[in-house]
């Protein structure tokens, strides 16, 4: 049985959010740990990503 266009769009939207990182907070909130609010989570992710060596050569 084939899924309809609505199911295809829903799946495509979910994949796009996962690949782009837009669903990062929802994935974080699903884990069993103390929760940060969205702003604090965003800032901690920025710090985690950019706190190391950031050069190409």
N, C-alpha and C. Protein backbone atom coordinates (compact mmCIF):
# COMPACT_ATOMS: atom_id res chain seq x y z
N UNK A 1 0.84 -1.18 0.00
CA UNK A 1 0.00 0.00 0.00
C UNK A 1 0.89 1.25 0.00
N UNK A 2 0.55 2.21 -0.82
CA UNK A 2 1.33 3.44 -0.95
C UNK A 2 0.86 4.49 0.03
N UNK A 3 1.82 5.21 0.60
CA UNK A 3 1.47 6.31 1.50
C UNK A 3 1.05 7.51 0.66
N UNK A 4 0.18 8.31 1.22
CA UNK A 4 -0.31 9.47 0.50
C UNK A 4 0.69 10.62 0.54
N UNK A 5 0.36 11.66 -0.21
CA UNK A 5 1.26 12.82 -0.25
C UNK A 5 1.46 13.48 1.12
N UNK A 6 0.44 13.46 1.96
CA UNK A 6 0.56 14.07 3.28
C UNK A 6 1.61 13.32 4.12
N UNK A 7 1.60 12.00 4.06
CA UNK A 7 2.57 11.21 4.81
C UNK A 7 3.98 11.45 4.27
N UNK A 8 4.11 11.54 2.95
CA UNK A 8 5.41 11.82 2.34
C UNK A 8 5.94 13.17 2.80
N UNK A 9 5.10 14.19 2.80
CA UNK A 9 5.53 15.53 3.22
C UNK A 9 5.91 15.55 4.70
N UNK A 10 5.15 14.84 5.51
CA UNK A 10 5.44 14.78 6.95
C UNK A 10 6.80 14.12 7.18
N UNK A 11 7.06 13.03 6.47
CA UNK A 11 8.34 12.33 6.60
C UNK A 11 9.49 13.20 6.09
N UNK A 12 9.28 13.85 4.95
CA UNK A 12 10.32 14.73 4.38
C UNK A 12 10.63 15.88 5.34
N UNK A 13 9.61 16.45 5.96
CA UNK A 13 9.80 17.55 6.90
C UNK A 13 10.60 17.08 8.13
N UNK A 14 10.29 15.89 8.62
CA UNK A 14 11.00 15.34 9.77
C UNK A 14 12.47 15.11 9.43
N UNK A 15 12.74 14.54 8.27
CA UNK A 15 14.12 14.30 7.85
C UNK A 15 14.86 15.62 7.69
N UNK A 16 14.24 16.60 7.07
CA UNK A 16 14.87 17.91 6.88
C UNK A 16 15.21 18.56 8.22
N UNK A 17 14.31 18.48 9.21
CA UNK A 17 14.58 19.06 10.53
C UNK A 17 15.73 18.34 11.23
N UNK A 18 15.81 17.02 11.08
CA UNK A 18 16.90 16.26 11.70
C UNK A 18 18.24 16.60 11.06
N UNK A 19 18.28 16.66 9.74
CA UNK A 19 19.53 16.93 9.03
C UNK A 19 20.03 18.35 9.28
N UNK A 20 19.10 19.30 9.32
CA UNK A 20 19.50 20.70 9.49
C UNK A 20 19.82 21.05 10.95
N UNK A 21 19.43 20.21 11.89
CA UNK A 21 19.68 20.48 13.30
C UNK A 21 18.56 21.24 13.97
N UNK A 22 17.47 21.49 13.26
CA UNK A 22 16.35 22.24 13.81
C UNK A 22 15.66 21.48 14.95
N UNK A 23 15.75 20.17 14.95
CA UNK A 23 15.09 19.36 15.98
C UNK A 23 16.03 19.06 17.15
N UNK A 24 17.14 19.75 17.24
CA UNK A 24 18.14 19.45 18.29
C UNK A 24 17.56 19.63 19.69
N UNK A 25 16.79 20.68 19.92
CA UNK A 25 16.26 20.90 21.27
C UNK A 25 15.24 19.82 21.63
N UNK A 26 14.40 19.43 20.69
CA UNK A 26 13.42 18.37 20.96
C UNK A 26 14.12 17.05 21.27
N UNK A 27 15.21 16.76 20.55
CA UNK A 27 15.98 15.55 20.82
C UNK A 27 16.64 15.63 22.19
N UNK A 28 17.14 16.80 22.54
CA UNK A 28 17.75 17.03 23.85
C UNK A 28 16.71 16.87 24.96
N UNK A 29 15.53 17.43 24.76
CA UNK A 29 14.49 17.38 25.79
C UNK A 29 13.96 15.97 26.00
N UNK A 30 14.08 15.11 25.00
CA UNK A 30 13.60 13.73 25.13
C UNK A 30 14.51 12.89 26.00
N UNK A 31 15.75 13.33 26.23
CA UNK A 31 16.68 12.58 27.07
C UNK A 31 16.33 12.79 28.54
N UNK A 32 16.79 11.87 29.37
CA UNK A 32 16.49 11.91 30.81
C UNK A 32 17.61 12.64 31.54
N UNK A 33 17.51 13.97 31.57
CA UNK A 33 18.51 14.80 32.25
C UNK A 33 17.86 16.13 32.61
N UNK A 34 18.51 16.93 33.46
CA UNK A 34 17.94 18.25 33.78
C UNK A 34 17.82 19.10 32.52
N UNK A 35 16.70 19.79 32.39
CA UNK A 35 16.41 20.56 31.17
C UNK A 35 16.87 22.01 31.27
N UNK A 36 17.47 22.49 30.20
CA UNK A 36 17.74 23.91 30.02
C UNK A 36 16.60 24.49 29.20
N UNK A 37 16.37 25.79 29.31
CA UNK A 37 15.39 26.40 28.40
C UNK A 37 16.03 26.52 27.02
N UNK A 38 15.23 26.86 26.01
CA UNK A 38 15.74 26.90 24.63
C UNK A 38 16.93 27.83 24.46
N UNK A 39 16.88 29.00 25.08
CA UNK A 39 17.97 29.97 24.92
C UNK A 39 19.26 29.45 25.54
N UNK A 40 19.17 28.91 26.75
CA UNK A 40 20.36 28.38 27.41
C UNK A 40 20.92 27.18 26.64
N UNK A 41 20.04 26.35 26.09
CA UNK A 41 20.49 25.22 25.27
C UNK A 41 21.23 25.72 24.04
N UNK A 42 20.68 26.71 23.37
CA UNK A 42 21.30 27.28 22.17
C UNK A 42 22.69 27.83 22.48
N UNK A 43 22.78 28.58 23.57
CA UNK A 43 24.08 29.17 23.94
C UNK A 43 25.09 28.10 24.34
N UNK A 44 24.64 27.06 25.02
CA UNK A 44 25.58 26.00 25.40
C UNK A 44 26.05 25.22 24.17
N UNK A 45 25.18 25.03 23.19
CA UNK A 45 25.58 24.37 21.95
C UNK A 45 26.58 25.22 21.17
N UNK A 46 26.36 26.53 21.12
CA UNK A 46 27.32 27.42 20.47
C UNK A 46 28.68 27.32 21.14
N UNK A 47 28.69 27.35 22.45
CA UNK A 47 29.94 27.26 23.20
C UNK A 47 30.63 25.92 22.94
N UNK A 48 29.86 24.83 22.94
CA UNK A 48 30.43 23.51 22.71
C UNK A 48 31.05 23.41 21.32
N UNK A 49 30.35 23.93 20.33
CA UNK A 49 30.83 23.83 18.94
C UNK A 49 32.04 24.69 18.65
N UNK A 50 32.10 25.88 19.25
CA UNK A 50 33.12 26.85 18.85
C UNK A 50 34.19 27.09 19.90
N UNK A 51 34.24 26.31 20.96
CA UNK A 51 35.21 26.55 22.01
C UNK A 51 36.57 25.93 21.72
N UNK A 52 36.66 25.03 20.77
CA UNK A 52 37.94 24.38 20.45
C UNK A 52 38.72 25.17 19.40
N UNK A 53 39.71 24.54 18.84
CA UNK A 53 40.52 25.15 17.78
C UNK A 53 39.65 25.31 16.53
N UNK A 54 39.63 26.51 15.97
CA UNK A 54 38.78 26.79 14.82
C UNK A 54 39.58 27.37 13.68
N UNK A 55 40.42 26.59 13.11
CA UNK A 55 41.16 27.07 11.94
C UNK A 55 41.32 25.92 10.96
N UNK A 56 41.53 26.26 9.75
CA UNK A 56 41.61 25.23 8.72
C UNK A 56 43.01 24.68 8.53
N UNK A 57 44.04 25.42 8.89
CA UNK A 57 45.41 25.00 8.59
C UNK A 57 46.24 24.81 9.85
